C-alpha atoms as a PDB file:
ATOM      1  CA  MET A   1     210.746 419.509  44.284  1.00  0.00           C
ATOM      2  CA  LYS A   2     209.734 417.273  47.180  1.00  0.00           C
ATOM      3  CA  GLN A   3     206.182 416.009  47.159  1.00  0.00           C
ATOM      4  CA  PRO A   4     204.115 416.972  50.202  1.00  0.00           C
ATOM      5  CA  GLU A   5     202.582 414.074  52.130  1.00  0.00           C
ATOM      6  CA  LEU A   6     199.020 414.718  51.018  1.00  0.00           C
ATOM      7  CA  MET A   7     198.925 415.569  47.354  1.00  0.00           C
ATOM      8  CA  THR A   8     197.388 413.601  44.526  1.00  0.00           C
ATOM      9  CA  PHE A   9     199.518 412.419  41.632  1.00  0.00           C
ATOM     10  CA  GLY A  10     197.839 414.928  39.329  1.00  0.00           C
ATOM     11  CA  GLU A  11     198.379 417.814  41.737  1.00  0.00           C
ATOM     12  CA  PHE A  12     202.034 416.843  42.059  1.00  0.00           C
ATOM     13  CA  ILE A  13     202.525 416.745  38.278  1.00  0.00           C
ATOM     14  CA  ARG A  14     200.842 420.127  37.905  1.00  0.00           C
ATOM     15  CA  SER A  15     202.960 421.645  40.688  1.00  0.00           C
ATOM     16  CA  MET A  16     206.186 420.382  39.082  1.00  0.00           C
ATOM     17  CA  ARG A  17     205.105 421.729  35.683  1.00  0.00           C
ATOM     18  CA  ILE A  18     204.220 425.131  37.112  1.00  0.00           C
ATOM     19  CA  GLU A  19     207.424 425.295  39.156  1.00  0.00           C
ATOM     20  CA  ALA A  20     209.398 424.507  35.973  1.00  0.00           C
ATOM     21  CA  LYS A  21     207.395 427.251  34.194  1.00  0.00           C
ATOM     22  CA  LEU A  22     206.373 424.817  31.457  1.00  0.00           C
ATOM     23  CA  PRO A  23     203.048 425.216  29.694  1.00  0.00           C
ATOM     24  CA  LEU A  24     200.802 422.180  29.618  1.00  0.00           C
ATOM     25  CA  ARG A  25     201.074 421.944  25.824  1.00  0.00           C
ATOM     26  CA  LYS A  26     204.888 421.716  25.938  1.00  0.00           C
ATOM     27  CA  VAL A  27     204.909 418.938  28.513  1.00  0.00           C
ATOM     28  CA  ALA A  28     202.170 417.125  26.588  1.00  0.00           C
ATOM     29  CA  ALA A  29     204.243 417.444  23.401  1.00  0.00           C
ATOM     30  CA  GLN A  30     207.275 415.943  25.159  1.00  0.00           C
ATOM     31  CA  LEU A  31     205.067 413.075  26.327  1.00  0.00           C
ATOM     32  CA  ASP A  32     203.589 412.746  22.821  1.00  0.00           C
ATOM     33  CA  ILE A  33     200.037 413.039  24.147  1.00  0.00           C
ATOM     34  CA  ASP A  34     197.202 415.492  23.631  1.00  0.00           C
ATOM     35  CA  PRO A  35     197.270 418.462  26.036  1.00  0.00           C
ATOM     36  CA  SER A  36     193.678 417.694  27.055  1.00  0.00           C
ATOM     37  CA  LEU A  37     194.797 414.235  28.251  1.00  0.00           C
ATOM     38  CA  LEU A  38     197.547 415.763  30.385  1.00  0.00           C
ATOM     39  CA  GLY A  39     195.005 418.239  31.746  1.00  0.00           C
ATOM     40  CA  ARG A  40     192.716 415.368  32.759  1.00  0.00           C
ATOM     41  CA  ILE A  41     195.635 413.606  34.454  1.00  0.00           C
ATOM     42  CA  GLU A  42     196.505 416.787  36.357  1.00  0.00           C
ATOM     43  CA  ARG A  43     192.858 417.161  37.440  1.00  0.00           C
ATOM     44  CA  ASN A  44     192.784 413.492  38.532  1.00  0.00           C
ATOM     45  CA  GLU A  45     190.092 412.731  35.990  1.00  0.00           C
ATOM     46  CA  ARG A  46     192.204 410.094  34.247  1.00  0.00           C
ATOM     47  CA  PRO A  47     195.016 407.887  35.535  1.00  0.00           C
ATOM     48  CA  PRO A  48     198.324 408.029  33.664  1.00  0.00           C
ATOM     49  CA  THR A  49     199.613 405.031  31.746  1.00  0.00           C
ATOM     50  CA  LYS A  50     202.947 403.465  32.663  1.00  0.00           C
ATOM     51  CA  GLU A  51     204.458 405.097  29.570  1.00  0.00           C
ATOM     52  CA  ILE A  52     203.263 408.534  30.651  1.00  0.00           C
ATOM     53  CA  ILE A  53     204.685 408.019  34.139  1.00  0.00           C
ATOM     54  CA  VAL A  54     208.047 407.041  32.603  1.00  0.00           C
ATOM     55  CA  GLY A  55     207.978 410.190  30.472  1.00  0.00           C
ATOM     56  CA  ILE A  56     207.068 412.410  33.426  1.00  0.00           C
ATOM     57  CA  ALA A  57     209.910 410.893  35.464  1.00  0.00           C
ATOM     58  CA  LYS A  58     212.357 411.768  32.678  1.00  0.00           C
ATOM     59  CA  ILE A  59     211.040 415.271  32.035  1.00  0.00           C
ATOM     60  CA  PHE A  60     211.071 416.283  35.696  1.00  0.00           C
ATOM     61  CA  GLU A  61     214.024 414.082  36.745  1.00  0.00           C
ATOM     62  CA  GLN A  62     211.960 412.207  39.329  1.00  0.00           C
ATOM     63  CA  ASP A  63     212.351 408.698  40.699  1.00  0.00           C
ATOM     64  CA  LEU A  64     210.253 406.363  38.532  1.00  0.00           C
ATOM     65  CA  LYS A  65     209.357 404.007  41.382  1.00  0.00           C
ATOM     66  CA  LYS A  66     208.186 406.891  43.567  1.00  0.00           C
ATOM     67  CA  LEU A  67     205.978 408.278  40.784  1.00  0.00           C
ATOM     68  CA  THR A  68     204.604 404.819  40.018  1.00  0.00           C
ATOM     69  CA  ASP A  69     203.836 404.249  43.705  1.00  0.00           C
ATOM     70  CA  GLU A  70     202.120 407.632  43.962  1.00  0.00           C
ATOM     71  CA  SER A  71     199.959 406.942  40.928  1.00  0.00           C
ATOM     72  CA  LEU A  72     199.021 403.467  42.133  1.00  0.00           C
ATOM     73  CA  SER A  73     198.200 404.749  45.623  1.00  0.00           C
ATOM     74  CA  ASP A  74     195.788 407.267  44.059  1.00  0.00           C
ATOM     75  CA  ARG A  75     194.029 404.449  42.203  1.00  0.00           C
ATOM     76  CA  ILE A  76     193.783 402.333  45.351  1.00  0.00           C
ATOM     77  CA  ALA A  77     192.482 405.251  47.423  1.00  0.00           C
ATOM     78  CA  TYR A  78     189.929 406.123  44.734  1.00  0.00           C
ATOM     79  CA  LYS A  79     188.726 402.506  44.598  1.00  0.00           C
ATOM     80  CA  ILE A  80     188.337 402.360  48.392  1.00  0.00           C
ATOM     81  CA  ILE A  81     186.368 405.611  48.413  1.00  0.00           C
ATOM     82  CA  ASN A  82     184.201 404.502  45.482  1.00  0.00           C
ATOM     83  CA  GLU A  83     183.362 401.212  47.170  1.00  0.00           C
ATOM     84  CA  ASN A  84     182.604 402.889  50.514  1.00  0.00           C
ATOM     85  CA  ALA A  85     185.192 400.582  52.061  1.00  0.00           C
ATOM     86  CA  ASP A  86     187.299 401.365  55.082  1.00  0.00           C
ATOM     87  CA  ILE A  87     190.991 401.071  55.862  1.00  0.00           C
ATOM     88  CA  GLU A  88     190.543 397.440  56.956  1.00  0.00           C
ATOM     89  CA  VAL A  89     190.438 396.444  53.300  1.00  0.00           C
ATOM     90  CA  LEU A  90     194.090 397.506  53.016  1.00  0.00           C
ATOM     91  CA  LYS A  91     195.069 395.121  55.806  1.00  0.00           C
ATOM     92  CA  VAL A  92     193.332 392.254  54.033  1.00  0.00           C
ATOM     93  CA  ALA A  93     194.910 393.254  50.720  1.00  0.00           C
ATOM     94  CA  GLU A  94     198.355 393.325  52.319  1.00  0.00           C
ATOM     95  CA  LYS A  95     197.871 389.752  53.552  1.00  0.00           C
ATOM     96  CA  LYS A  96     196.710 388.664  50.104  1.00  0.00           C
ATOM     97  CA  VAL A  97     199.750 390.260  48.455  1.00  0.00           C
ATOM     98  CA  GLU A  98     202.025 388.268  50.740  1.00  0.00           C
ATOM     99  CA  TYR A  99     199.999 385.107  50.088  1.00  0.00           C
ATOM    100  CA  TRP A 100     200.221 385.526  46.308  1.00  0.00           C
ATOM    101  CA  LYS A 101     203.923 386.383  46.429  1.00  0.00           C
ATOM    102  CA  ASN A 102     204.641 383.254  48.497  1.00  0.00           C
ATOM    103  CA  LYS A 103     202.472 381.131  46.217  1.00  0.00           C
ATOM    104  CA  GLN A 104     204.461 382.251  43.148  1.00  0.00           C
ATOM    105  CA  GLN A 105     207.797 381.210  44.665  1.00  0.00           C
END
């Protein structure tokens, strides 16, 4: 399944689970988490841990980096919305990422 451009991480996970005809409880059991936690992740009420993302990538045979990027982009977007910031903050953040990367070398 290819992720549409505008879909949250949780919506994408839910759509893959439904397409695979897997009940929430079975996927949660494979991830070794409570079904209510997976439900909150699917409803974007809770971000997944790195371990959960790894498990989801394995279960649904998805690229781990792509899933990690999607989850992180949700967190960044949520933070920008919560802070009433605008897109300019991303430009500043991009410059800071490059600065910190160069500083570490």
